[in-house]
C-alpha cells in the first residue's frame, strides 16, 4: 500500500485547540469529510482515509449536515475499491 505523508508547520499544529494525541486522527477525519462533501472521494475511500467504518462515517456526515451522495458511479467506485 502506498502512503502519502503531509508535513505541517509545527506552529500550525501547536496552534490547534486539540489534545496532541488526537491531532492525527482528527485531521484524517476532517480531510475525509471535506473530500466526500466536495465529491472528490467516495464513501469507501473517505472511510479508509479516516480509519473508521461506514456507520461512524455516516454519523459524522449527519452531524455536520453533509449530504450523502450515493449513485451508480459511487457504487462502481466502491466495488472497485473493495476489490470486487
C-alpha atoms as a PDB file:
ATOM      1  CA  UNK A   1       0.000   0.000   0.000  1.00  0.00           C
ATOM      2  CA  UNK A   2       1.323   3.422  -0.932  1.00  0.00           C
ATOM      3  CA  UNK A   3       1.118   6.195   1.594  1.00  0.00           C
ATOM      4  CA  UNK A   4       1.289   9.957   1.335  1.00  0.00           C
ATOM      5  CA  UNK A   5       2.856  11.957   4.099  1.00  0.00           C
ATOM      6  CA  UNK A   6       1.793  15.550   4.732  1.00  0.00           C
ATOM      7  CA  UNK A   7       4.084  17.820   6.686  1.00  0.00           C
ATOM      8  CA  UNK A   8       2.523  20.663   8.624  1.00  0.00           C
ATOM      9  CA  UNK A   9       4.337  23.619  10.163  1.00  0.00           C
ATOM     10  CA  UNK A  10       4.864  22.978  13.866  1.00  0.00           C
ATOM     11  CA  UNK A  11       3.403  26.414  14.674  1.00  0.00           C
ATOM     12  CA  UNK A  12       0.156  25.411  12.955  1.00  0.00           C
ATOM     13  CA  UNK A  13      -0.032  22.098  14.807  1.00  0.00           C
ATOM     14  CA  UNK A  14       0.741  23.765  18.133  1.00  0.00           C
ATOM     15  CA  UNK A  15      -1.981  26.324  17.418  1.00  0.00           C
ATOM     16  CA  UNK A  16      -4.697  23.687  17.110  1.00  0.00           C
ATOM     17  CA  UNK A  17      -7.086  23.515  20.025  1.00  0.00           C
ATOM     18  CA  UNK A  18      -6.862  19.749  20.241  1.00  0.00           C
ATOM     19  CA  UNK A  19      -5.031  17.381  22.561  1.00  0.00           C
ATOM     20  CA  UNK A  20      -1.799  16.344  20.832  1.00  0.00           C
ATOM     21  CA  UNK A  21      -2.791  12.652  20.797  1.00  0.00           C
ATOM     22  CA  UNK A  22      -6.000  13.464  18.847  1.00  0.00           C
ATOM     23  CA  UNK A  23      -4.484  15.630  16.112  1.00  0.00           C
ATOM     24  CA  UNK A  24      -3.638  12.977  13.503  1.00  0.00           C
ATOM     25  CA  UNK A  25      -6.981  11.162  13.712  1.00  0.00           C
ATOM     26  CA  UNK A  26      -8.937  14.426  13.718  1.00  0.00           C
ATOM     27  CA  UNK A  27      -7.094  15.768  10.676  1.00  0.00           C
ATOM     28  CA  UNK A  28      -7.685  12.498   8.830  1.00  0.00           C
ATOM     29  CA  UNK A  29     -11.400  12.686   9.649  1.00  0.00           C
ATOM     30  CA  UNK A  30     -11.647  16.349   8.633  1.00  0.00           C
ATOM     31  CA  UNK A  31      -9.924  15.652   5.323  1.00  0.00           C
ATOM     32  CA  UNK A  32     -12.141  12.639   4.627  1.00  0.00           C
ATOM     33  CA  UNK A  33     -15.336  14.586   5.375  1.00  0.00           C
ATOM     34  CA  UNK A  34     -14.238  17.504   3.226  1.00  0.00           C
ATOM     35  CA  UNK A  35     -13.243  15.360   0.249  1.00  0.00           C
ATOM     36  CA  UNK A  36     -16.511  13.431   0.448  1.00  0.00           C
ATOM     37  CA  UNK A  37     -18.563  16.620   0.787  1.00  0.00           C
ATOM     38  CA  UNK A  38     -16.872  18.073  -2.293  1.00  0.00           C
ATOM     39  CA  UNK A  39     -17.498  14.780  -4.140  1.00  0.00           C
ATOM     40  CA  UNK A  40     -13.761  14.247  -4.577  1.00  0.00           C
ATOM     41  CA  UNK A  41     -13.764  10.876  -2.790  1.00  0.00           C
ATOM     42  CA  UNK A  42     -16.255   8.043  -2.482  1.00  0.00           C
ATOM     43  CA  UNK A  43     -17.639   6.905   0.853  1.00  0.00           C
ATOM     44  CA  UNK A  44     -15.350   3.860   0.828  1.00  0.00           C
ATOM     45  CA  UNK A  45     -12.242   5.931   0.162  1.00  0.00           C
ATOM     46  CA  UNK A  46     -13.281   8.504   2.766  1.00  0.00           C
ATOM     47  CA  UNK A  47     -13.870   5.815   5.408  1.00  0.00           C
ATOM     48  CA  UNK A  48     -10.493   4.296   4.696  1.00  0.00           C
ATOM     49  CA  UNK A  49      -8.818   7.691   4.879  1.00  0.00           C
ATOM     50  CA  UNK A  50     -10.492   8.490   8.202  1.00  0.00           C
ATOM     51  CA  UNK A  51      -9.846   4.991   9.567  1.00  0.00           C
ATOM     52  CA  UNK A  52     -13.487   4.488  10.559  1.00  0.00           C
ATOM     53  CA  UNK A  53     -16.345   2.243   9.471  1.00  0.00           C
ATOM     54  CA  UNK A  54     -19.187   3.387   7.250  1.00  0.00           C
ATOM     55  CA  UNK A  55     -21.736   3.717  10.086  1.00  0.00           C
ATOM     56  CA  UNK A  56     -19.457   6.033  12.019  1.00  0.00           C
ATOM     57  CA  UNK A  57     -18.736   7.996   8.842  1.00  0.00           C
ATOM     58  CA  UNK A  58     -22.477   8.451   8.153  1.00  0.00           C
ATOM     59  CA  UNK A  59     -22.880   9.678  11.751  1.00  0.00           C
ATOM     60  CA  UNK A  60     -20.191  12.325  11.233  1.00  0.00           C
ATOM     61  CA  UNK A  61     -21.796  13.390   7.938  1.00  0.00           C
ATOM     62  CA  UNK A  62     -25.193  13.775   9.605  1.00  0.00           C
ATOM     63  CA  UNK A  63     -23.732  15.774  12.500  1.00  0.00           C
ATOM     64  CA  UNK A  64     -22.201  18.214  10.001  1.00  0.00           C
ATOM     65  CA  UNK A  65     -25.242  18.189   7.718  1.00  0.00           C
ATOM     66  CA  UNK A  66     -23.109  16.995   4.815  1.00  0.00           C
ATOM     67  CA  UNK A  67     -25.451  15.344   2.306  1.00  0.00           C
ATOM     68  CA  UNK A  68     -24.872  11.719   1.403  1.00  0.00           C
ATOM     69  CA  UNK A  69     -24.392  11.142  -2.292  1.00  0.00           C
ATOM     70  CA  UNK A  70     -24.562   7.604  -3.478  1.00  0.00           C
ATOM     71  CA  UNK A  71     -25.394   6.836  -7.069  1.00  0.00           C
ATOM     72  CA  UNK A  72     -24.321   4.267  -9.655  1.00  0.00           C
ATOM     73  CA  UNK A  73     -20.934   5.909 -10.156  1.00  0.00           C
ATOM     74  CA  UNK A  74     -20.099   5.805  -6.467  1.00  0.00           C
ATOM     75  CA  UNK A  75     -21.295   2.207  -6.233  1.00  0.00           C
ATOM     76  CA  UNK A  76     -18.895   1.275  -9.040  1.00  0.00           C
ATOM     77  CA  UNK A  77     -16.036   3.086  -7.289  1.00  0.00           C
ATOM     78  CA  UNK A  78     -16.795   1.274  -4.040  1.00  0.00           C
ATOM     79  CA  UNK A  79     -16.869  -2.121  -5.773  1.00  0.00           C
ATOM     80  CA  UNK A  80     -13.519  -1.438  -7.455  1.00  0.00           C
ATOM     81  CA  UNK A  81     -12.014  -0.052  -4.239  1.00  0.00           C
ATOM     82  CA  UNK A  82     -13.203  -3.104  -2.301  1.00  0.00           C
ATOM     83  CA  UNK A  83     -11.511  -5.355  -4.841  1.00  0.00           C
ATOM     84  CA  UNK A  84     -14.670  -6.789  -6.367  1.00  0.00           C
END
